[in-house]
Amino acid sequence: MLGLATIDPAVTPDLALATIESLTVLGALHASPAVKAALAKRIR
């Protein structure tokens, strides 16, 4: 993702893990702390 990636606050960590295999962000990621923590190993 280039720019701003926003994950809706309604997205749970389980849903994020079930739907996002990997994520490359060249910019900013706005997500709840729980979702960011759940995806930490998948964010490049």
Protein backbone atom coordinates (compact mmCIF):
# COMPACT_ATOMS: atom_id res chain seq x y z
CA MET A 1 0.00 0.00 0.00
CA LEU A 2 1.37 3.39 -0.92
CA GLY A 3 -0.04 6.23 1.15
CA LEU A 4 -2.57 5.77 3.93
CA ALA A 5 -4.07 2.37 4.76
CA THR A 6 -6.99 2.46 7.18
CA ILE A 7 -8.53 -0.61 8.76
CA ASP A 8 -11.97 0.13 10.18
CA PRO A 9 -12.18 0.06 13.99
CA ALA A 10 -14.94 -2.57 13.70
CA VAL A 11 -12.42 -5.07 12.26
CA THR A 12 -11.38 -7.54 14.94
CA PRO A 13 -7.90 -9.02 15.19
CA ASP A 14 -9.34 -12.44 14.24
CA LEU A 15 -10.99 -11.03 11.11
CA ALA A 16 -7.79 -9.22 10.11
CA LEU A 17 -5.76 -12.42 10.52
CA ALA A 18 -8.31 -14.41 8.52
CA THR A 19 -8.32 -11.99 5.59
CA ILE A 20 -4.86 -10.40 5.39
CA GLU A 21 -2.00 -12.73 4.46
CA SER A 22 0.60 -9.98 4.19
CA LEU A 23 0.67 -6.21 3.98
CA THR A 24 3.36 -3.89 2.69
CA VAL A 25 2.82 -0.28 3.72
CA LEU A 26 4.85 2.56 2.25
CA GLY A 27 3.20 5.30 4.24
CA ALA A 28 0.93 5.08 7.27
CA LEU A 29 -1.27 2.35 8.70
CA HIS A 30 -4.24 3.37 10.81
CA ALA A 31 -5.71 0.46 12.74
CA SER A 32 -6.54 -0.38 16.31
CA PRO A 33 -3.59 -1.35 18.50
CA ALA A 34 -5.03 -4.88 18.76
CA VAL A 35 -5.20 -5.28 14.97
CA LYS A 36 -1.69 -3.87 14.52
CA ALA A 37 -0.39 -6.32 17.13
CA ALA A 38 -2.18 -9.25 15.49
CA LEU A 39 -0.75 -8.35 12.07
CA ALA A 40 2.74 -7.43 13.28
CA LYS A 41 4.41 -10.48 11.70
CA ARG A 42 2.54 -9.92 8.42
CA ILE A 43 3.38 -6.24 7.95
CA ARG A 44 6.45 -5.56 5.83
